[in-house]
Structures are given as structure tokens and as C-alpha cells.
Amino acid sequence: MRGEGRLAICPNCGKEITFLKNYIHGCMVEYNFDGESYEFIRCVGGTLEEFCCPECGYKITEDEQQARKFLKG
């Protein structure tokens, strides 16, 4: 069982992964700019989320709860 120290395995590339990349399409990104650097504040109005393997980019799911289950096992 992955919840006991084992890593999730990407069904596409077979690599062990500890996190998923989360892409939100169609959103407006808000940053604060202090004249030197940017600070991410939030993403507003996202229409589609994808949770993908950080190794090969394969889309695991579009649902956050499913992404949590995948990572926890």
C-alpha cells in the first residue's frame, strides 16, 4: 500500500513520483510587483485543471480528490 512509505507510480512512464504538476487552463494570474520581484497571489477563473506526472507529463486526472487518492494510494 502506497500510504505506508511507497511512492505512486505513473501508469504511462512507470517512474515513481511523490507529487503531480497541476496545470490550470484559462485562468487569470494575480501577482504583486514591488519594483524588483513578483509574488504569486492567486489564479482566478480557471476552467480546466490537469494533474500530470512530473516526469513524462502524462495526465493522471482532472479532479483534485482523485489526484490526492492517486498520491496516497
N, C-alpha and C. Protein backbone atom coordinates (compact mmCIF):
# COMPACT_ATOMS: atom_id res chain seq x y z
N MET A 1 0.85 -1.19 0.00
CA MET A 1 0.00 0.00 0.00
C MET A 1 0.88 1.24 0.00
N ARG A 2 0.61 2.22 -0.91
CA ARG A 2 1.44 3.40 -1.03
C ARG A 2 1.40 4.28 0.21
N GLY A 3 0.33 4.29 0.95
CA GLY A 3 0.22 5.14 2.12
C GLY A 3 1.25 4.83 3.20
N GLU A 4 1.95 3.71 3.06
CA GLU A 4 2.93 3.30 4.07
C GLU A 4 4.34 3.45 3.53
N GLY A 5 4.67 4.64 2.96
CA GLY A 5 6.03 4.91 2.54
C GLY A 5 6.35 4.57 1.10
N ARG A 6 5.44 3.97 0.35
CA ARG A 6 5.69 3.66 -1.04
C ARG A 6 5.26 4.82 -1.92
N LEU A 7 5.94 4.99 -3.02
CA LEU A 7 5.65 6.10 -3.92
C LEU A 7 4.60 5.70 -4.95
N ALA A 8 3.90 6.71 -5.47
CA ALA A 8 2.97 6.49 -6.56
C ALA A 8 3.77 6.18 -7.82
N ILE A 9 3.20 5.39 -8.72
CA ILE A 9 3.85 5.03 -9.98
C ILE A 9 3.03 5.58 -11.13
N CYS A 10 3.68 6.31 -12.03
CA CYS A 10 2.98 6.84 -13.21
C CYS A 10 2.57 5.66 -14.10
N PRO A 11 1.28 5.59 -14.49
CA PRO A 11 0.84 4.49 -15.35
C PRO A 11 1.38 4.58 -16.77
N ASN A 12 1.93 5.72 -17.15
CA ASN A 12 2.46 5.90 -18.50
C ASN A 12 3.95 5.57 -18.59
N CYS A 13 4.77 6.20 -17.74
CA CYS A 13 6.23 6.02 -17.85
C CYS A 13 6.79 5.05 -16.81
N GLY A 14 5.99 4.71 -15.78
CA GLY A 14 6.44 3.77 -14.77
C GLY A 14 7.36 4.34 -13.71
N LYS A 15 7.61 5.64 -13.74
CA LYS A 15 8.50 6.27 -12.76
C LYS A 15 7.77 6.45 -11.42
N GLU A 16 8.54 6.36 -10.33
CA GLU A 16 7.99 6.64 -9.01
C GLU A 16 7.90 8.16 -8.84
N ILE A 17 6.76 8.64 -8.35
CA ILE A 17 6.57 10.08 -8.19
C ILE A 17 5.97 10.39 -6.82
N THR A 18 6.33 11.56 -6.29
CA THR A 18 5.84 11.98 -4.97
C THR A 18 4.90 13.17 -5.08
N PHE A 19 4.76 13.74 -6.28
CA PHE A 19 3.87 14.87 -6.48
C PHE A 19 3.41 14.88 -7.93
N LEU A 20 2.36 15.65 -8.19
CA LEU A 20 1.86 15.84 -9.55
C LEU A 20 1.96 17.32 -9.90
N LYS A 21 2.21 17.62 -11.15
CA LYS A 21 2.15 19.00 -11.60
C LYS A 21 0.69 19.34 -11.85
N ASN A 22 0.27 20.52 -11.41
CA ASN A 22 -1.12 20.96 -11.55
C ASN A 22 -1.16 22.12 -12.53
N TYR A 23 -1.84 21.90 -13.65
CA TYR A 23 -2.00 22.95 -14.66
C TYR A 23 -3.44 23.41 -14.64
N ILE A 24 -3.65 24.73 -14.62
CA ILE A 24 -4.99 25.31 -14.68
C ILE A 24 -5.06 26.14 -15.95
N HIS A 25 -5.94 25.74 -16.85
CA HIS A 25 -6.06 26.41 -18.14
C HIS A 25 -7.12 27.51 -18.08
N GLY A 26 -6.87 28.58 -18.78
CA GLY A 26 -7.86 29.64 -18.90
C GLY A 26 -8.04 30.47 -17.64
N CYS A 27 -7.00 30.68 -16.87
CA CYS A 27 -7.15 31.48 -15.66
C CYS A 27 -6.38 32.79 -15.78
N MET A 28 -6.76 33.74 -14.96
CA MET A 28 -6.04 34.99 -14.85
C MET A 28 -5.17 34.89 -13.60
N VAL A 29 -3.88 35.14 -13.74
CA VAL A 29 -2.95 35.01 -12.62
C VAL A 29 -2.68 36.39 -12.03
N GLU A 30 -2.79 36.48 -10.71
CA GLU A 30 -2.56 37.74 -10.00
C GLU A 30 -1.23 37.68 -9.25
N TYR A 31 -0.40 38.70 -9.46
CA TYR A 31 0.89 38.83 -8.78
C TYR A 31 0.98 40.21 -8.14
N ASN A 32 1.77 40.33 -7.10
CA ASN A 32 2.20 41.62 -6.57
C ASN A 32 3.60 41.88 -7.10
N PHE A 33 3.87 43.12 -7.53
CA PHE A 33 5.19 43.50 -8.02
C PHE A 33 5.68 44.67 -7.19
N ASP A 34 6.85 44.52 -6.55
CA ASP A 34 7.38 45.56 -5.67
C ASP A 34 8.48 46.39 -6.32
N GLY A 35 8.61 46.31 -7.62
CA GLY A 35 9.65 47.04 -8.33
C GLY A 35 10.86 46.19 -8.62
N GLU A 36 10.98 45.05 -7.93
CA GLU A 36 12.12 44.15 -8.14
C GLU A 36 11.71 42.71 -8.39
N SER A 37 10.70 42.26 -7.71
CA SER A 37 10.31 40.86 -7.85
C SER A 37 8.79 40.72 -7.81
N TYR A 38 8.35 39.54 -8.26
CA TYR A 38 6.93 39.22 -8.28
C TYR A 38 6.61 38.22 -7.18
N GLU A 39 5.41 38.37 -6.59
CA GLU A 39 4.92 37.41 -5.60
C GLU A 39 3.58 36.90 -6.09
N PHE A 40 3.48 35.57 -6.28
CA PHE A 40 2.22 34.97 -6.73
C PHE A 40 1.15 35.16 -5.67
N ILE A 41 -0.04 35.61 -6.08
CA ILE A 41 -1.16 35.79 -5.16
C ILE A 41 -2.22 34.71 -5.38
N ARG A 42 -2.76 34.62 -6.60
CA ARG A 42 -3.79 33.62 -6.86
C ARG A 42 -4.05 33.48 -8.35
N CYS A 43 -4.76 32.42 -8.68
CA CYS A 43 -5.21 32.17 -10.04
C CYS A 43 -6.74 32.25 -10.01
N VAL A 44 -7.31 33.10 -10.85
CA VAL A 44 -8.75 33.35 -10.83
C VAL A 44 -9.38 32.85 -12.12
N GLY A 45 -10.49 32.12 -12.01
CA GLY A 45 -11.29 31.76 -13.17
C GLY A 45 -10.79 30.59 -13.99
N GLY A 46 -10.05 29.68 -13.39
CA GLY A 46 -9.58 28.52 -14.14
C GLY A 46 -10.73 27.66 -14.63
N THR A 47 -10.62 27.17 -15.85
CA THR A 47 -11.71 26.39 -16.43
C THR A 47 -11.43 24.90 -16.45
N LEU A 48 -10.18 24.50 -16.54
CA LEU A 48 -9.84 23.09 -16.60
C LEU A 48 -8.56 22.86 -15.84
N GLU A 49 -8.58 21.88 -14.96
CA GLU A 49 -7.37 21.52 -14.23
C GLU A 49 -6.86 20.18 -14.74
N GLU A 50 -5.56 20.04 -14.80
CA GLU A 50 -4.94 18.77 -15.13
C GLU A 50 -3.87 18.48 -14.09
N PHE A 51 -3.86 17.28 -13.57
CA PHE A 51 -2.83 16.83 -12.64
C PHE A 51 -1.99 15.81 -13.40
N CYS A 52 -0.71 16.16 -13.63
CA CYS A 52 0.14 15.40 -14.54
C CYS A 52 1.41 14.88 -13.87
N CYS A 53 1.93 13.80 -14.43
CA CYS A 53 3.21 13.24 -13.99
C CYS A 53 4.32 14.27 -14.21
N PRO A 54 5.14 14.53 -13.19
CA PRO A 54 6.23 15.49 -13.35
C PRO A 54 7.37 14.96 -14.22
N GLU A 55 7.38 13.68 -14.48
CA GLU A 55 8.45 13.07 -15.29
C GLU A 55 8.14 13.08 -16.78
N CYS A 56 6.93 12.63 -17.16
CA CYS A 56 6.61 12.49 -18.59
C CYS A 56 5.48 13.41 -19.05
N GLY A 57 4.77 14.06 -18.11
CA GLY A 57 3.68 14.96 -18.47
C GLY A 57 2.34 14.29 -18.70
N TYR A 58 2.26 12.99 -18.49
CA TYR A 58 1.01 12.25 -18.69
C TYR A 58 -0.07 12.77 -17.74
N LYS A 59 -1.27 13.00 -18.28
CA LYS A 59 -2.38 13.48 -17.44
C LYS A 59 -2.94 12.32 -16.63
N ILE A 60 -2.83 12.43 -15.31
CA ILE A 60 -3.34 11.41 -14.39
C ILE A 60 -4.84 11.59 -14.18
N THR A 61 -5.26 12.84 -13.92
CA THR A 61 -6.67 13.13 -13.66
C THR A 61 -6.93 14.62 -13.83
N GLU A 62 -8.21 14.98 -13.88
CA GLU A 62 -8.62 16.39 -13.87
C GLU A 62 -9.28 16.76 -12.55
N ASP A 63 -9.29 15.84 -11.60
CA ASP A 63 -10.00 16.01 -10.34
C ASP A 63 -9.02 16.01 -9.16
N GLU A 64 -9.09 17.04 -8.31
CA GLU A 64 -8.16 17.15 -7.19
C GLU A 64 -8.28 15.99 -6.22
N GLN A 65 -9.50 15.55 -5.93
CA GLN A 65 -9.67 14.44 -4.99
C GLN A 65 -9.06 13.16 -5.54
N GLN A 66 -9.22 12.93 -6.85
CA GLN A 66 -8.61 11.76 -7.48
C GLN A 66 -7.08 11.86 -7.45
N ALA A 67 -6.56 13.08 -7.61
CA ALA A 67 -5.11 13.28 -7.53
C ALA A 67 -4.60 12.93 -6.13
N ARG A 68 -5.34 13.36 -5.10
CA ARG A 68 -4.96 13.03 -3.72
C ARG A 68 -4.96 11.51 -3.51
N LYS A 69 -6.01 10.85 -3.98
CA LYS A 69 -6.11 9.39 -3.84
C LYS A 69 -4.96 8.69 -4.55
N PHE A 70 -4.63 9.17 -5.76
CA PHE A 70 -3.54 8.57 -6.52
C PHE A 70 -2.23 8.66 -5.75
N LEU A 71 -1.95 9.83 -5.19
CA LEU A 71 -0.68 10.02 -4.47
C LEU A 71 -0.63 9.27 -3.14
N LYS A 72 -1.79 9.13 -2.48
CA LYS A 72 -1.83 8.46 -1.17
C LYS A 72 -1.96 6.95 -1.29
N GLY A 73 -2.52 6.51 -2.39
CA GLY A 73 -2.66 5.06 -2.59
C GLY A 73 -3.93 4.49 -2.14
